[in-house]
PDB file of N, CA and C in Angstrom:
ATOM      1  N   MET A   1      -5.792  13.925   0.001  1.00  0.00           N
ATOM      2  CA  MET A   1      -4.465  13.965  -0.543  1.00  0.00           C
ATOM      3  C   MET A   1      -3.798  12.627  -0.273  1.00  0.00           C
ATOM      4  N   LEU A   2      -3.055  12.123  -1.225  1.00  0.00           N
ATOM      5  CA  LEU A   2      -2.350  10.857  -1.069  1.00  0.00           C
ATOM      6  C   LEU A   2      -0.926  11.105  -0.616  1.00  0.00           C
ATOM      7  N   SER A   3      -0.430  10.237   0.234  1.00  0.00           N
ATOM      8  CA  SER A   3       0.942  10.329   0.700  1.00  0.00           C
ATOM      9  C   SER A   3       1.835   9.544  -0.241  1.00  0.00           C
ATOM     10  N   LEU A   4       2.937  10.130  -0.624  1.00  0.00           N
ATOM     11  CA  LEU A   4       3.885   9.436  -1.491  1.00  0.00           C
ATOM     12  C   LEU A   4       4.924   8.675  -0.678  1.00  0.00           C
ATOM     13  N   CYS A   5       4.795   8.676   0.626  1.00  0.00           N
ATOM     14  CA  CYS A   5       5.755   8.003   1.496  1.00  0.00           C
ATOM     15  C   CYS A   5       5.283   6.614   1.920  1.00  0.00           C
ATOM     16  N   ALA A   6       4.187   6.160   1.399  1.00  0.00           N
ATOM     17  CA  ALA A   6       3.650   4.855   1.773  1.00  0.00           C
ATOM     18  C   ALA A   6       4.496   3.750   1.155  1.00  0.00           C
ATOM     19  N   PRO A   7       4.496   2.564   1.769  1.00  0.00           N
ATOM     20  CA  PRO A   7       5.220   1.431   1.193  1.00  0.00           C
ATOM     21  C   PRO A   7       4.731   1.133  -0.222  1.00  0.00           C
ATOM     22  N   ALA A   8       5.573   0.501  -1.003  1.00  0.00           N
ATOM     23  CA  ALA A   8       5.242   0.170  -2.384  1.00  0.00           C
ATOM     24  C   ALA A   8       3.913  -0.546  -2.476  1.00  0.00           C
ATOM     25  N   GLY A   9       3.046  -0.062  -3.342  1.00  0.00           N
ATOM     26  CA  GLY A   9       1.758  -0.699  -3.566  1.00  0.00           C
ATOM     27  C   GLY A   9       0.674  -0.274  -2.596  1.00  0.00           C
ATOM     28  N   VAL A  10       1.012   0.560  -1.603  1.00  0.00           N
ATOM     29  CA  VAL A  10       0.033   0.982  -0.608  1.00  0.00           C
ATOM     30  C   VAL A  10      -0.024   2.503  -0.590  1.00  0.00           C
ATOM     31  N   TRP A  11      -1.224   3.056  -0.763  1.00  0.00           N
ATOM     32  CA  TRP A  11      -1.407   4.500  -0.697  1.00  0.00           C
ATOM     33  C   TRP A  11      -2.067   4.833   0.619  1.00  0.00           C
ATOM     34  N   ALA A  12      -1.462   5.724   1.370  1.00  0.00           N
ATOM     35  CA  ALA A  12      -2.024   6.151   2.646  1.00  0.00           C
ATOM     36  C   ALA A  12      -2.610   7.545   2.481  1.00  0.00           C
ATOM     37  N   LEU A  13      -3.820   7.737   2.970  1.00  0.00           N
ATOM     38  CA  LEU A  13      -4.441   9.043   2.918  1.00  0.00           C
ATOM     39  C   LEU A  13      -3.903   9.905   4.042  1.00  0.00           C
ATOM     40  N   THR A  14      -3.700  11.162   3.749  1.00  0.00           N
ATOM     41  CA  THR A  14      -3.274  12.114   4.765  1.00  0.00           C
ATOM     42  C   THR A  14      -4.521  12.759   5.340  1.00  0.00           C
ATOM     43  N   GLY A  15      -4.646  12.726   6.654  1.00  0.00           N
ATOM     44  CA  GLY A  15      -5.814  13.301   7.305  1.00  0.00           C
ATOM     45  C   GLY A  15      -5.660  14.782   7.564  1.00  0.00           C
ATOM     46  N   ASP A  16      -6.776  15.474   7.596  1.00  0.00           N
ATOM     47  CA  ASP A  16      -6.833  16.899   7.890  1.00  0.00           C
ATOM     48  C   ASP A  16      -7.635  17.078   9.178  1.00  0.00           C
ATOM     49  N   ALA A  17      -6.981  17.546  10.229  1.00  0.00           N
ATOM     50  CA  ALA A  17      -7.625  17.654  11.539  1.00  0.00           C
ATOM     51  C   ALA A  17      -8.813  18.606  11.537  1.00  0.00           C
ATOM     52  N   ALA A  18      -8.741  19.687  10.761  1.00  0.00           N
ATOM     53  CA  ALA A  18      -9.866  20.641  10.712  1.00  0.00           C
ATOM     54  C   ALA A  18     -11.109  19.978  10.121  1.00  0.00           C
ATOM     55  N   ARG A  19     -10.929  19.216   9.055  1.00  0.00           N
ATOM     56  CA  ARG A  19     -12.069  18.480   8.490  1.00  0.00           C
ATOM     57  C   ARG A  19     -12.517  17.403   9.458  1.00  0.00           C
ATOM     58  N   GLY A  20     -11.561  16.754  10.130  1.00  0.00           N
ATOM     59  CA  GLY A  20     -11.874  15.698  11.087  1.00  0.00           C
ATOM     60  C   GLY A  20     -12.695  16.185  12.261  1.00  0.00           C
ATOM     61  N   GLU A  21     -12.480  17.433  12.656  1.00  0.00           N
ATOM     62  CA  GLU A  21     -13.278  17.985  13.760  1.00  0.00           C
ATOM     63  C   GLU A  21     -14.751  18.039  13.373  1.00  0.00           C
ATOM     64  N   ARG A  22     -15.037  18.379  12.128  1.00  0.00           N
ATOM     65  CA  ARG A  22     -16.435  18.403  11.665  1.00  0.00           C
ATOM     66  C   ARG A  22     -17.002  16.980  11.582  1.00  0.00           C
ATOM     67  N   VAL A  23     -16.201  16.024  11.150  1.00  0.00           N
ATOM     68  CA  VAL A  23     -16.638  14.626  11.097  1.00  0.00           C
ATOM     69  C   VAL A  23     -16.921  14.129  12.512  1.00  0.00           C
ATOM     70  N   HIS A  24     -16.141  14.575  13.472  1.00  0.00           N
ATOM     71  CA  HIS A  24     -16.270  14.129  14.857  1.00  0.00           C
ATOM     72  C   HIS A  24     -17.651  14.419  15.431  1.00  0.00           C
ATOM     73  N   ASP A  25     -18.321  15.420  14.937  1.00  0.00           N
ATOM     74  CA  ASP A  25     -19.679  15.716  15.410  1.00  0.00           C
ATOM     75  C   ASP A  25     -20.590  14.497  15.289  1.00  0.00           C
ATOM     76  N   LEU A  26     -20.354  13.665  14.286  1.00  0.00           N
ATOM     77  CA  LEU A  26     -21.155  12.446  14.116  1.00  0.00           C
ATOM     78  C   LEU A  26     -20.930  11.477  15.275  1.00  0.00           C
ATOM     79  N   CYS A  27     -19.729  11.429  15.798  1.00  0.00           N
ATOM     80  CA  CYS A  27     -19.387  10.520  16.896  1.00  0.00           C
ATOM     81  C   CYS A  27     -20.094  10.921  18.188  1.00  0.00           C
ATOM     82  N   LEU A  28     -20.281  12.225  18.346  1.00  0.00           N
ATOM     83  CA  LEU A  28     -20.860  12.731  19.590  1.00  0.00           C
ATOM     84  C   LEU A  28     -22.327  12.358  19.758  1.00  0.00           C
ATOM     85  N   GLY A  29     -22.947  11.800  18.730  1.00  0.00           N
ATOM     86  CA  GLY A  29     -24.306  11.304  18.858  1.00  0.00           C
ATOM     87  C   GLY A  29     -24.380  10.047  19.715  1.00  0.00           C
ATOM     88  N   CYS A  30     -23.248   9.335  19.846  1.00  0.00           N
ATOM     89  CA  CYS A  30     -23.219   8.092  20.635  1.00  0.00           C
ATOM     90  C   CYS A  30     -22.402   8.200  21.913  1.00  0.00           C
ATOM     91  N   HIS A  31     -21.390   9.055  21.929  1.00  0.00           N
ATOM     92  CA  HIS A  31     -20.552   9.189  23.130  1.00  0.00           C
ATOM     93  C   HIS A  31     -19.935  10.576  23.164  1.00  0.00           C
ATOM     94  N   GLY A  32     -19.509  10.950  24.343  1.00  0.00           N
ATOM     95  CA  GLY A  32     -18.809  12.217  24.511  1.00  0.00           C
ATOM     96  C   GLY A  32     -17.311  12.018  24.411  1.00  0.00           C
ATOM     97  N   THR A  33     -16.562  13.045  24.764  1.00  0.00           N
ATOM     98  CA  THR A  33     -15.106  12.971  24.666  1.00  0.00           C
ATOM     99  C   THR A  33     -14.458  12.256  25.848  1.00  0.00           C
ATOM    100  N   GLU A  34     -15.255  11.836  26.807  1.00  0.00           N
ATOM    101  CA  GLU A  34     -14.694  11.163  27.988  1.00  0.00           C
ATOM    102  C   GLU A  34     -13.976   9.859  27.637  1.00  0.00           C
ATOM    103  N   VAL A  35     -14.299   9.247  26.508  1.00  0.00           N
ATOM    104  CA  VAL A  35     -13.645   7.987  26.134  1.00  0.00           C
ATOM    105  C   VAL A  35     -12.217   8.205  25.627  1.00  0.00           C
ATOM    106  N   TYR A  36     -11.837   9.455  25.397  1.00  0.00           N
ATOM    107  CA  TYR A  36     -10.496   9.750  24.891  1.00  0.00           C
ATOM    108  C   TYR A  36      -9.492  10.063  25.992  1.00  0.00           C
ATOM    109  N   VAL A  37      -9.950  10.203  27.207  1.00  0.00           N
ATOM    110  CA  VAL A  37      -9.061  10.610  28.306  1.00  0.00           C
ATOM    111  C   VAL A  37      -9.162   9.614  29.458  1.00  0.00           C
ATOM    112  N   PRO A  38      -8.106   9.529  30.276  1.00  0.00           N
ATOM    113  CA  PRO A  38      -8.172   8.642  31.439  1.00  0.00           C
ATOM    114  C   PRO A  38      -9.338   9.027  32.334  1.00  0.00           C
ATOM    115  N   PRO A  39      -9.971   8.097  32.987  1.00  0.00           N
ATOM    116  CA  PRO A  39      -9.630   6.679  33.092  1.00  0.00           C
ATOM    117  C   PRO A  39     -10.262   5.807  32.011  1.00  0.00           C
ATOM    118  N   LYS A  40     -11.119   6.363  31.152  1.00  0.00           N
ATOM    119  CA  LYS A  40     -11.794   5.539  30.144  1.00  0.00           C
ATOM    120  C   LYS A  40     -10.936   5.311  28.898  1.00  0.00           C
ATOM    121  N   ARG A  41      -9.891   6.048  28.729  1.00  0.00           N
ATOM    122  CA  ARG A  41      -9.040   5.945  27.545  1.00  0.00           C
ATOM    123  C   ARG A  41      -8.380   4.573  27.476  1.00  0.00           C
ATOM    124  N   GLU A  42      -8.602   3.864  26.380  1.00  0.00           N
ATOM    125  CA  GLU A  42      -7.996   2.549  26.178  1.00  0.00           C
ATOM    126  C   GLU A  42      -6.989   2.538  25.035  1.00  0.00           C
ATOM    127  N   VAL A  43      -7.058   3.516  24.146  1.00  0.00           N
ATOM    128  CA  VAL A  43      -6.166   3.586  22.991  1.00  0.00           C
ATOM    129  C   VAL A  43      -4.817   4.136  23.429  1.00  0.00           C
ATOM    130  N   THR A  44      -3.739   3.404  23.116  1.00  0.00           N
ATOM    131  CA  THR A  44      -2.404   3.818  23.533  1.00  0.00           C
ATOM    132  C   THR A  44      -1.414   3.933  22.373  1.00  0.00           C
ATOM    133  N   LEU A  45      -1.846   3.601  21.169  1.00  0.00           N
ATOM    134  CA  LEU A  45      -0.981   3.677  19.989  1.00  0.00           C
ATOM    135  C   LEU A  45      -1.746   4.265  18.817  1.00  0.00           C
ATOM    136  N   MET A  46      -1.051   4.930  17.920  1.00  0.00           N
ATOM    137  CA  MET A  46      -1.679   5.508  16.738  1.00  0.00           C
ATOM    138  C   MET A  46      -2.357   4.424  15.896  1.00  0.00           C
ATOM    139  N   ALA A  47      -1.710   3.282  15.752  1.00  0.00           N
ATOM    140  CA  ALA A  47      -2.300   2.193  14.956  1.00  0.00           C
ATOM    141  C   ALA A  47      -3.612   1.715  15.575  1.00  0.00           C
ATOM    142  N   THR A  48      -3.669   1.689  16.896  1.00  0.00           N
ATOM    143  CA  THR A  48      -4.892   1.281  17.580  1.00  0.00           C
ATOM    144  C   THR A  48      -5.986   2.323  17.388  1.00  0.00           C
ATOM    145  N   LEU A  49      -5.622   3.586  17.411  1.00  0.00           N
ATOM    146  CA  LEU A  49      -6.597   4.653  17.172  1.00  0.00           C
ATOM    147  C   LEU A  49      -7.235   4.478  15.802  1.00  0.00           C
ATOM    148  N   ARG A  50      -6.428   4.251  14.802  1.00  0.00           N
ATOM    149  CA  ARG A  50      -6.931   4.055  13.436  1.00  0.00           C
ATOM    150  C   ARG A  50      -7.863   2.829  13.391  1.00  0.00           C
ATOM    151  N   ARG A  51      -7.445   1.728  14.004  1.00  0.00           N
ATOM    152  CA  ARG A  51      -8.274   0.510  13.997  1.00  0.00           C
ATOM    153  C   ARG A  51      -9.608   0.740  14.695  1.00  0.00           C
ATOM    154  N   GLU A  52      -9.590   1.469  15.803  1.00  0.00           N
ATOM    155  CA  GLU A  52     -10.836   1.731  16.530  1.00  0.00           C
ATOM    156  C   GLU A  52     -11.786   2.601  15.712  1.00  0.00           C
ATOM    157  N   VAL A  53     -11.264   3.609  15.048  1.00  0.00           N
ATOM    158  CA  VAL A  53     -12.115   4.449  14.195  1.00  0.00           C
ATOM    159  C   VAL A  53     -12.699   3.606  13.069  1.00  0.00           C
ATOM    160  N   GLU A  54     -11.887   2.773  12.459  1.00  0.00           N
ATOM    161  CA  GLU A  54     -12.376   1.902  11.381  1.00  0.00           C
ATOM    162  C   GLU A  54     -13.409   0.906  11.912  1.00  0.00           C
ATOM    163  N   ARG A  55     -13.172   0.375  13.096  1.00  0.00           N
ATOM    164  CA  ARG A  55     -14.110  -0.594  13.695  1.00  0.00           C
ATOM    165  C   ARG A  55     -15.466   0.054  13.937  1.00  0.00           C
ATOM    166  N   TRP A  56     -15.484   1.232  14.542  1.00  0.00           N
ATOM    167  CA  TRP A  56     -16.753   1.897  14.829  1.00  0.00           C
ATOM    168  C   TRP A  56     -17.410   2.434  13.573  1.00  0.00           C
ATOM    169  N   ASN A  57     -16.624   2.680  12.551  1.00  0.00           N
ATOM    170  CA  ASN A  57     -17.194   3.139  11.281  1.00  0.00           C
ATOM    171  C   ASN A  57     -18.133   2.084  10.694  1.00  0.00           C
ATOM    172  N   LYS A  58     -17.879   0.830  10.992  1.00  0.00           N
ATOM    173  CA  LYS A  58     -18.740  -0.245  10.482  1.00  0.00           C
ATOM    174  C   LYS A  58     -20.160  -0.140  11.026  1.00  0.00           C
ATOM    175  N   SER A  59     -20.339   0.583  12.141  1.00  0.00           N
ATOM    176  CA  SER A  59     -21.668   0.773  12.738  1.00  0.00           C
ATOM    177  C   SER A  59     -22.365   2.022  12.220  1.00  0.00           C
ATOM    178  N   MET A  60     -21.644   2.832  11.475  1.00  0.00           N
ATOM    179  CA  MET A  60     -22.197   4.099  10.975  1.00  0.00           C
ATOM    180  C   MET A  60     -23.082   3.847   9.756  1.00  0.00           C
ATOM    181  N   SER A  61     -24.086   4.671   9.622  1.00  0.00           N
ATOM    182  CA  SER A  61     -24.931   4.593   8.428  1.00  0.00           C
ATOM    183  C   SER A  61     -25.334   6.011   8.041  1.00  0.00           C
ATOM    184  N   PRO A  62     -24.813   6.517   6.948  1.00  0.00           N
ATOM    185  CA  PRO A  62     -23.845   5.872   6.050  1.00  0.00           C
ATOM    186  C   PRO A  62     -22.456   5.853   6.677  1.00  0.00           C
ATOM    187  N   ARG A  63     -21.631   4.958   6.185  1.00  0.00           N
ATOM    188  CA  ARG A  63     -20.268   4.855   6.681  1.00  0.00           C
ATOM    189  C   ARG A  63     -19.433   6.043   6.211  1.00  0.00           C
ATOM    190  N   LEU A  64     -18.394   6.348   6.986  1.00  0.00           N
ATOM    191  CA  LEU A  64     -17.459   7.394   6.602  1.00  0.00           C
ATOM    192  C   LEU A  64     -16.619   6.915   5.429  1.00  0.00           C
ATOM    193  N   THR A  65     -16.204   7.846   4.595  1.00  0.00           N
ATOM    194  CA  THR A  65     -15.295   7.509   3.505  1.00  0.00           C
ATOM    195  C   THR A  65     -13.900   7.292   4.082  1.00  0.00           C
ATOM    196  N   GLU A  66     -13.000   6.743   3.290  1.00  0.00           N
ATOM    197  CA  GLU A  66     -11.622   6.551   3.740  1.00  0.00           C
ATOM    198  C   GLU A  66     -10.991   7.890   4.109  1.00  0.00           C
ATOM    199  N   GLN A  67     -11.301   8.940   3.336  1.00  0.00           N
ATOM    200  CA  GLN A  67     -10.757  10.257   3.637  1.00  0.00           C
ATOM    201  C   GLN A  67     -11.316  10.794   4.949  1.00  0.00           C
ATOM    202  N   GLN A  68     -12.591  10.590   5.189  1.00  0.00           N
ATOM    203  CA  GLN A  68     -13.182  11.041   6.449  1.00  0.00           C
ATOM    204  C   GLN A  68     -12.585  10.297   7.644  1.00  0.00           C
ATOM    205  N   VAL A  69     -12.306   9.018   7.485  1.00  0.00           N
ATOM    206  CA  VAL A  69     -11.658   8.245   8.549  1.00  0.00           C
ATOM    207  C   VAL A  69     -10.273   8.833   8.828  1.00  0.00           C
ATOM    208  N   ALA A  70      -9.499   9.104   7.774  1.00  0.00           N
ATOM    209  CA  ALA A  70      -8.168   9.687   7.946  1.00  0.00           C
ATOM    210  C   ALA A  70      -8.259  11.055   8.616  1.00  0.00           C
ATOM    211  N   ASP A  71      -9.249  11.851   8.223  1.00  0.00           N
ATOM    212  CA  ASP A  71      -9.433  13.172   8.830  1.00  0.00           C
ATOM    213  C   ASP A  71      -9.804  13.048  10.298  1.00  0.00           C
ATOM    214  N   LEU A  72     -10.684  12.123  10.623  1.00  0.00           N
ATOM    215  CA  LEU A  72     -11.107  11.923  12.006  1.00  0.00           C
ATOM    216  C   LEU A  72      -9.939  11.465  12.873  1.00  0.00           C
ATOM    217  N   VAL A  73      -9.145  10.545  12.378  1.00  0.00           N
ATOM    218  CA  VAL A  73      -7.968  10.080  13.116  1.00  0.00           C
ATOM    219  C   VAL A  73      -7.011  11.255  13.349  1.00  0.00           C
ATOM    220  N   ALA A  74      -6.801  12.084  12.341  1.00  0.00           N
ATOM    221  CA  ALA A  74      -5.923  13.253  12.490  1.00  0.00           C
ATOM    222  C   ALA A  74      -6.462  14.199  13.559  1.00  0.00           C
ATOM    223  N   TYR A  75      -7.766  14.428  13.558  1.00  0.00           N
ATOM    224  CA  TYR A  75      -8.369  15.305  14.570  1.00  0.00           C
ATOM    225  C   TYR A  75      -8.229  14.724  15.976  1.00  0.00           C
ATOM    226  N   LEU A  76      -8.595  13.466  16.134  1.00  0.00           N
ATOM    227  CA  LEU A  76      -8.519  12.846  17.455  1.00  0.00           C
ATOM    228  C   LEU A  76      -7.092  12.859  17.995  1.00  0.00           C
ATOM    229  N   ASN A  77      -6.140  12.610  17.120  1.00  0.00           N
ATOM    230  CA  ASN A  77      -4.752  12.621  17.554  1.00  0.00           C
ATOM    231  C   ASN A  77      -4.311  14.030  17.945  1.00  0.00           C
ATOM    232  N   ALA A  78      -4.670  15.017  17.161  1.00  0.00           N
ATOM    233  CA  ALA A  78      -4.268  16.399  17.455  1.00  0.00           C
ATOM    234  C   ALA A  78      -4.944  16.925  18.715  1.00  0.00           C
ATOM    235  N   ALA A  79      -6.202  16.589  18.917  1.00  0.00           N
ATOM    236  CA  ALA A  79      -6.975  17.161  20.012  1.00  0.00           C
ATOM    237  C   ALA A  79      -6.840  16.396  21.333  1.00  0.00           C
ATOM    238  N   PHE A  80      -6.612  15.079  21.262  1.00  0.00           N
ATOM    239  CA  PHE A  80      -6.647  14.281  22.478  1.00  0.00           C
ATOM    240  C   PHE A  80      -5.424  13.391  22.712  1.00  0.00           C
ATOM    241  N   TYR A  81      -4.977  12.686  21.700  1.00  0.00           N
ATOM    242  CA  TYR A  81      -3.970  11.653  21.919  1.00  0.00           C
ATOM    243  C   TYR A  81      -2.525  12.136  21.792  1.00  0.00           C
ATOM    244  N   ARG A  82      -2.246  12.893  20.772  1.00  0.00           N
ATOM    245  CA  ARG A  82      -0.916  13.462  20.535  1.00  0.00           C
ATOM    246  C   ARG A  82       0.182  12.394  20.373  1.00  0.00           C
ATOM    247  N   PHE A  83      -0.140  11.345  19.628  1.00  0.00           N
ATOM    248  CA  PHE A  83       0.871  10.336  19.317  1.00  0.00           C
ATOM    249  C   PHE A  83       1.834  10.919  18.294  1.00  0.00           C
ATOM    250  N   PRO A  84       3.113  10.511  18.345  1.00  0.00           N
ATOM    251  CA  PRO A  84       4.051  10.999  17.330  1.00  0.00           C
ATOM    252  C   PRO A  84       3.677  10.456  15.958  1.00  0.00           C
ATOM    253  N   PRO A  85       4.035  11.196  14.918  1.00  0.00           N
ATOM    254  CA  PRO A  85       3.692  10.744  13.550  1.00  0.00           C
ATOM    255  C   PRO A  85       4.387   9.445  13.167  1.00  0.00           C
TER     256      PRO A  85
END
Protein backbone atom coordinates (compact mmCIF):
# COMPACT_ATOMS: atom_id res chain seq x y z
CA MET A 1 0.00 0.00 0.00
CA LEU A 2 1.28 3.48 -0.81
CA SER A 3 1.17 6.31 1.69
CA LEU A 4 -0.40 9.53 0.49
CA CYS A 5 1.36 11.48 3.24
CA ALA A 6 4.80 11.33 1.65
CA PRO A 7 6.53 14.53 0.49
CA ALA A 8 5.80 15.65 -3.05
CA GLY A 9 7.36 13.32 -5.59
CA VAL A 10 8.17 10.62 -3.03
CA TRP A 11 6.00 7.57 -2.38
CA ALA A 12 6.57 5.77 0.90
CA LEU A 13 5.45 2.18 1.31
CA THR A 14 3.47 1.32 4.39
CA GLY A 15 4.81 -1.76 6.14
CA ASP A 16 2.72 -4.58 7.55
CA ALA A 17 4.20 -6.10 10.71
CA ALA A 18 2.41 -9.45 10.26
CA ARG A 19 3.95 -9.89 6.81
CA GLY A 20 7.26 -8.59 8.17
CA GLU A 21 7.34 -11.30 10.81
CA ARG A 22 7.33 -13.92 8.03
CA VAL A 23 10.07 -12.03 6.15
CA HIS A 24 12.09 -11.93 9.38
CA ASP A 25 12.54 -15.70 9.23
CA LEU A 26 15.07 -15.06 6.45
CA CYS A 27 17.16 -12.91 8.82
CA LEU A 28 17.33 -15.64 11.42
CA GLY A 29 19.52 -17.70 9.09
CA CYS A 30 22.41 -15.32 9.90
CA HIS A 31 21.64 -13.96 13.38
CA GLY A 32 19.22 -14.26 16.24
CA THR A 33 17.18 -11.56 17.92
CA GLU A 34 19.99 -10.67 20.33
CA VAL A 35 21.13 -7.89 17.97
CA TYR A 36 17.87 -6.01 18.59
CA VAL A 37 18.23 -5.68 22.36
CA PRO A 38 20.88 -4.29 24.71
CA PRO A 39 23.79 -4.68 24.96
CA LYS A 40 24.17 -5.54 21.25
CA ARG A 41 21.48 -3.11 20.08
CA GLU A 42 23.03 -0.28 18.07
CA VAL A 43 19.95 1.11 16.28
CA THR A 44 18.47 4.09 18.14
CA LEU A 45 16.30 5.80 15.50
CA MET A 46 13.62 4.65 13.06
CA ALA A 47 15.61 6.09 10.14
CA THR A 48 18.64 4.06 11.21
CA LEU A 49 16.53 0.91 11.44
CA ARG A 50 15.36 1.40 7.86
CA ARG A 51 18.93 2.07 6.65
CA GLU A 52 20.25 -1.04 8.39
CA VAL A 53 17.57 -3.26 6.87
CA GLU A 54 18.31 -1.79 3.44
CA ARG A 55 22.07 -2.22 3.98
CA TRP A 56 21.77 -5.90 4.92
CA ASN A 57 19.30 -6.48 2.11
CA LYS A 58 22.19 -5.90 -0.30
CA SER A 59 23.69 -9.18 1.01
CA MET A 60 20.49 -11.16 0.45
CA SER A 61 20.03 -13.40 -2.55
CA PRO A 62 17.45 -12.87 -3.79
CA ARG A 63 17.06 -9.40 -2.36
CA LEU A 64 13.89 -8.36 -0.57
CA THR A 65 11.43 -6.22 -2.48
CA GLU A 66 10.76 -2.65 -1.34
CA GLN A 67 7.47 -3.86 0.17
CA GLN A 68 9.21 -6.66 2.05
CA VAL A 69 11.74 -4.17 3.43
CA ALA A 70 8.89 -1.92 4.62
CA ASP A 71 7.13 -4.93 6.16
CA LEU A 72 10.31 -6.07 7.92
CA VAL A 73 10.96 -2.60 9.33
CA ALA A 74 7.36 -2.47 10.60
CA TYR A 75 7.77 -5.86 12.28
CA LEU A 76 11.11 -5.05 13.88
CA ASN A 77 9.77 -1.78 15.19
CA ALA A 78 6.59 -3.35 16.59
CA ALA A 79 8.34 -6.34 18.15
CA PHE A 80 11.61 -4.86 19.40
CA TYR A 81 12.27 -1.15 18.93
CA ARG A 82 8.94 0.64 19.41
CA PHE A 83 10.05 3.94 17.88
CA PRO A 84 7.27 6.51 17.48
CA PRO A 85 5.82 6.81 13.97
